[in-house]
Amino acid sequence: QVQLVESGGGLVQAGGSLRLSCAASGRTVSRYSMAWFRQAPGKEREFGAAISWTTSNTYYTDSVKGRFTMSRDNAKNTVYLQMNSLKPEDTAVYYCAATGAAWGAINPLTASRQYDYWGQGTQVTVSS
């Protein structure tokens, strides 16, 4: 079992930045592939970014590529999502997720059903 707690959300103006954190407990995050998903009001949860535990490869959905950066600090058992150049359409609840499955340079894990553990979410609101 692993418990995930997100933090760092808030209200920011368009063009601004936020850094989300996801602190894991129960198991070391270095043994888990991690991901960030987000869900906007009235919409389905969608994939945002993922990092593999075996290679630390990262993968991003097209809408955030070049603006968001996912990283991990295994010593702190924490993963991060640095979000720059935020847009109003980035407004959503952001969720951290973990799975014991691994992926390499191809076939990143982007479906929510592929993840076993979820945090409670943190709200990100981007004003125009």
Protein backbone atom coordinates (compact mmCIF):
# COMPACT_ATOMS: atom_id res chain seq x y z
CA GLN A 1 0.00 0.00 0.00
CA VAL A 2 1.09 3.53 -0.66
CA GLN A 3 -0.60 6.73 0.45
CA LEU A 4 -0.34 9.85 -1.69
CA VAL A 5 -0.91 13.44 -0.59
CA GLU A 6 -0.87 16.29 -3.09
CA SER A 7 -0.15 19.91 -2.26
CA GLY A 8 0.78 23.15 -3.98
CA GLY A 9 -2.43 23.99 -5.77
CA GLY A 10 -3.95 27.43 -5.71
CA LEU A 11 -5.12 30.41 -7.71
CA VAL A 12 -2.76 31.90 -10.27
CA GLN A 13 -3.08 34.31 -13.18
CA ALA A 14 -2.65 33.14 -16.74
CA GLY A 15 1.02 32.95 -17.61
CA GLY A 16 2.00 32.19 -14.04
CA SER A 17 3.54 29.11 -12.46
CA LEU A 18 2.80 26.60 -9.76
CA ARG A 19 4.64 23.56 -8.45
CA LEU A 20 2.58 20.64 -7.25
CA SER A 21 4.01 18.09 -4.86
CA CYS A 22 2.93 14.53 -4.20
CA ALA A 23 4.30 13.02 -1.02
CA ALA A 24 4.16 9.25 -0.73
CA SER A 25 4.14 7.17 2.42
CA GLY A 26 3.89 3.48 3.08
CA ARG A 27 6.22 2.43 0.30
CA THR A 28 9.17 4.05 -1.39
CA VAL A 29 8.13 6.04 -4.41
CA SER A 30 11.27 4.91 -6.23
CA ARG A 31 9.55 1.56 -6.86
CA TYR A 32 6.47 3.08 -8.42
CA SER A 33 5.70 4.66 -11.73
CA MET A 34 3.91 7.89 -11.00
CA ALA A 35 1.57 10.14 -12.91
CA TRP A 36 -0.43 13.31 -12.70
CA PHE A 37 -4.01 13.37 -13.93
CA ARG A 38 -6.46 16.24 -13.86
CA GLN A 39 -10.21 16.66 -13.92
CA ALA A 40 -11.98 19.84 -14.88
CA PRO A 41 -15.60 20.50 -13.86
CA GLY A 42 -17.99 18.49 -15.99
CA LYS A 43 -15.20 16.63 -17.75
CA GLU A 44 -13.61 13.23 -17.42
CA ARG A 45 -10.31 12.74 -15.67
CA GLU A 46 -7.46 13.08 -18.15
CA PHE A 47 -3.83 12.14 -18.19
CA GLY A 48 -1.24 14.86 -17.80
CA ALA A 49 2.24 13.49 -17.17
CA ALA A 50 3.98 10.28 -16.12
CA ILE A 51 7.39 9.15 -14.92
CA SER A 52 8.67 5.59 -14.98
CA TRP A 53 10.27 4.17 -11.87
CA THR A 54 12.76 2.02 -13.75
CA THR A 55 14.17 4.62 -16.15
CA SER A 56 12.78 7.96 -14.90
CA ASN A 57 11.59 8.56 -18.43
CA THR A 58 8.84 11.12 -18.59
CA TYR A 59 5.87 11.48 -20.91
CA TYR A 60 3.43 14.35 -21.32
CA THR A 61 0.12 14.83 -22.99
CA ASP A 62 0.35 17.24 -25.91
CA SER A 63 -1.58 20.03 -24.20
CA VAL A 64 1.05 20.41 -21.45
CA LYS A 65 4.21 19.44 -23.33
CA GLY A 66 6.82 22.17 -23.11
CA ARG A 67 5.05 23.87 -20.20
CA PHE A 68 4.91 21.19 -17.49
CA THR A 69 7.81 19.20 -16.07
CA MET A 70 7.45 16.14 -13.89
CA SER A 71 10.28 15.06 -11.63
CA ARG A 72 10.91 12.85 -8.64
CA ASP A 73 13.05 13.06 -5.52
CA ASN A 74 13.40 9.52 -4.25
CA ALA A 75 15.20 10.66 -1.11
CA LYS A 76 12.14 12.72 -0.16
CA ASN A 77 9.68 10.14 -1.50
CA THR A 78 8.06 12.91 -3.48
CA VAL A 79 7.19 13.67 -7.07
CA TYR A 80 6.63 17.12 -8.47
CA LEU A 81 4.83 18.80 -11.32
CA GLN A 82 6.28 22.15 -12.28
CA MET A 83 3.66 24.03 -14.26
CA ASN A 84 4.70 27.10 -16.22
CA SER A 85 2.86 29.36 -18.65
CA LEU A 86 -0.43 28.33 -17.13
CA LYS A 87 -3.62 28.82 -19.10
CA PRO A 88 -7.25 29.08 -17.94
CA GLU A 89 -7.87 25.68 -19.54
CA ASP A 90 -5.41 24.16 -17.07
CA THR A 91 -7.96 24.80 -14.32
CA ALA A 92 -8.78 21.45 -12.73
CA VAL A 93 -8.31 19.23 -9.72
CA TYR A 94 -4.91 17.60 -10.10
CA TYR A 95 -4.43 14.05 -8.87
CA CYS A 96 -1.26 12.11 -8.21
CA ALA A 97 -1.33 8.38 -9.00
CA ALA A 98 1.01 5.43 -8.53
CA THR A 99 1.45 1.95 -9.91
CA GLY A 100 3.97 -0.81 -9.39
CA ALA A 101 4.04 -1.39 -13.15
CA ALA A 102 7.00 -0.13 -15.14
CA TRP A 103 7.43 1.32 -18.61
CA GLY A 104 10.47 2.16 -20.64
CA ALA A 105 10.98 4.48 -23.54
CA ILE A 106 7.74 3.43 -25.18
CA ASN A 107 4.23 2.54 -24.05
CA PRO A 108 3.95 4.98 -21.16
CA LEU A 109 1.13 4.31 -18.73
CA THR A 110 -1.49 6.98 -19.47
CA ALA A 111 -4.82 5.36 -18.56
CA SER A 112 -6.27 5.93 -15.12
CA ARG A 113 -7.17 2.25 -14.86
CA GLN A 114 -3.46 1.41 -14.97
CA TYR A 115 -2.87 3.13 -11.63
CA ASP A 116 -3.64 1.53 -8.30
CA TYR A 117 -3.18 4.37 -5.82
CA TRP A 118 -4.54 7.89 -5.88
CA GLY A 119 -4.25 11.03 -3.83
CA GLN A 120 -7.18 13.21 -2.81
CA GLY A 121 -6.39 15.92 -5.35
CA THR A 122 -5.39 19.57 -5.22
CA GLN A 123 -7.28 22.40 -6.92
CA VAL A 124 -5.53 24.53 -9.53
CA THR A 125 -7.37 27.59 -10.77
CA VAL A 126 -5.96 29.80 -13.51
CA SER A 127 -7.64 33.15 -14.00
CA SER A 128 -7.61 34.99 -17.32
